Amino acid sequence: MAYVDGFLLAVPKDKMDAYKEMAELGRTVWMEYGALSYVEAKADDVPYGELTSFPRAVQAKDDEVVIFSFITYNDRAHRDEIMAKVMADERMKPGMENMPFDGKRMIFGGFEVFVQA
């Protein structure tokens, strides 16, 4: 069954153009290597919860936007194969060395799909 890499992060509002540029390159590279889909989404209706919430999870500041993104693959082996190629791709190095957000507050992980429509 399908496999998903998910990402949650906070991007400073004044760095959204740089983030979008990085995301568009990511989309190109991941899709070129065989990802099934690549999605970057900006928070629109994500209230700051009393106990938990997307903004709390990434310690979003008032001048930051919460980003939720995900990439889909056929399965975990497919993801591992693609990820190795992406990480070795020279086009990705500048973005990884100069990210327009605080990578320490990024949440990410791989998920095995168990229900899908």
Protein backbone atom coordinates (compact mmCIF):
# COMPACT_ATOMS: atom_id res chain seq x y z
CA MET A 1 0.00 0.00 0.00
CA ALA A 2 1.05 3.64 -0.45
CA TYR A 3 3.60 5.46 1.70
CA VAL A 4 3.64 9.14 2.69
CA ASP A 5 6.35 11.47 3.97
CA GLY A 6 4.78 14.30 5.96
CA PHE A 7 6.29 17.63 6.99
CA LEU A 8 5.12 20.43 9.29
CA LEU A 9 7.13 23.64 9.65
CA ALA A 10 6.94 27.39 10.26
CA VAL A 11 8.25 29.81 7.63
CA PRO A 12 8.82 33.52 8.32
CA LYS A 13 6.33 35.53 6.25
CA ASP A 14 9.14 37.57 4.74
CA LYS A 15 10.81 34.38 3.50
CA MET A 16 7.78 32.83 1.79
CA ASP A 17 9.04 33.69 -1.70
CA ALA A 18 12.34 31.91 -0.99
CA TYR A 19 10.45 28.96 0.51
CA LYS A 20 8.15 28.73 -2.52
CA GLU A 21 11.18 28.70 -4.81
CA MET A 22 12.74 25.91 -2.73
CA ALA A 23 9.44 23.98 -2.71
CA GLU A 24 9.07 24.26 -6.49
CA LEU A 25 12.57 22.85 -6.94
CA GLY A 26 11.71 20.07 -4.50
CA ARG A 27 8.57 19.28 -6.48
CA THR A 28 10.57 19.08 -9.70
CA VAL A 29 13.26 16.83 -8.23
CA TRP A 30 10.94 14.46 -6.31
CA MET A 31 8.59 14.07 -9.27
CA GLU A 32 11.51 13.54 -11.64
CA TYR A 33 12.68 10.62 -9.48
CA GLY A 34 9.23 9.03 -9.38
CA ALA A 35 7.19 10.40 -6.46
CA LEU A 36 3.47 9.94 -7.05
CA SER A 37 2.55 13.40 -5.73
CA TYR A 38 4.15 16.39 -4.02
CA VAL A 39 2.05 18.91 -2.06
CA GLU A 40 2.97 22.12 -0.20
CA ALA A 41 0.11 23.81 1.67
CA LYS A 42 0.02 27.10 3.61
CA ALA A 43 -2.09 27.33 6.77
CA ASP A 44 -5.44 29.01 6.24
CA ASP A 45 -7.72 27.72 9.01
CA VAL A 46 -5.46 26.43 11.80
CA PRO A 47 -6.42 27.93 15.14
CA TYR A 48 -3.88 28.17 17.93
CA GLY A 49 -5.15 25.51 20.33
CA GLU A 50 -5.07 25.67 24.13
CA LEU A 51 -3.14 22.43 24.41
CA THR A 52 -2.23 21.22 20.91
CA SER A 53 -2.39 22.60 17.39
CA PHE A 54 -0.34 22.85 14.22
CA PRO A 55 1.08 26.27 15.22
CA ARG A 56 1.98 25.01 18.71
CA ALA A 57 3.63 21.90 17.31
CA VAL A 58 6.20 23.97 15.38
CA GLN A 59 6.32 26.84 17.89
CA ALA A 60 5.10 29.24 15.20
CA LYS A 61 5.69 32.91 15.91
CA ASP A 62 3.34 35.75 14.96
CA ASP A 63 5.44 36.57 11.90
CA GLU A 64 5.47 32.96 10.60
CA VAL A 65 3.20 30.85 8.42
CA VAL A 66 2.60 27.16 9.14
CA ILE A 67 3.32 24.88 6.19
CA PHE A 68 2.03 21.32 5.87
CA SER A 69 3.49 19.26 3.06
CA PHE A 70 3.50 15.67 1.97
CA ILE A 71 4.96 13.43 -0.72
CA THR A 72 3.42 10.12 -1.75
CA TYR A 73 5.09 6.95 -2.99
CA ASN A 74 4.11 3.41 -3.97
CA ASP A 75 5.54 1.96 -0.74
CA ARG A 76 8.40 2.36 1.75
CA ALA A 77 10.98 0.77 -0.58
CA HIS A 78 9.94 3.18 -3.35
CA ARG A 79 10.32 6.10 -0.93
CA ASP A 80 13.75 4.96 0.24
CA GLU A 81 14.93 4.62 -3.36
CA ILE A 82 13.67 8.08 -4.32
CA MET A 83 14.94 9.73 -1.13
CA ALA A 84 18.47 8.43 -1.75
CA LYS A 85 18.42 9.96 -5.24
CA VAL A 86 16.99 13.27 -3.99
CA MET A 87 19.58 13.59 -1.22
CA ALA A 88 22.39 12.93 -3.73
CA ASP A 89 21.05 15.43 -6.28
CA GLU A 90 23.32 18.50 -6.57
CA ARG A 91 20.30 20.76 -7.20
CA MET A 92 19.13 20.17 -3.63
CA LYS A 93 22.36 21.08 -1.83
CA PRO A 94 22.02 24.91 -1.82
CA GLY A 95 18.50 24.69 -0.35
CA MET A 96 19.55 22.21 2.33
CA GLU A 97 22.46 24.41 3.38
CA ASN A 98 20.47 27.65 3.41
CA MET A 99 16.87 26.82 4.36
CA PRO A 100 14.50 29.81 4.65
CA PHE A 101 13.08 28.44 7.93
CA ASP A 102 14.27 27.01 11.24
CA GLY A 103 14.85 23.33 10.49
CA LYS A 104 15.07 22.52 14.20
CA ARG A 105 11.34 23.17 14.52
CA MET A 106 10.36 21.09 11.49
CA ILE A 107 8.41 17.91 12.22
CA PHE A 108 8.65 15.10 9.68
CA GLY A 109 8.12 11.41 9.34
CA GLY A 110 7.15 8.53 7.10
CA PHE A 111 3.68 7.00 7.25
CA GLU A 112 2.28 3.75 5.92
CA VAL A 113 -1.17 4.32 4.42
CA PHE A 114 -3.83 1.99 5.83
CA VAL A 115 -7.02 3.60 4.47
CA GLN A 116 -7.23 5.34 1.11
CA ALA A 117 -9.93 6.41 -1.34
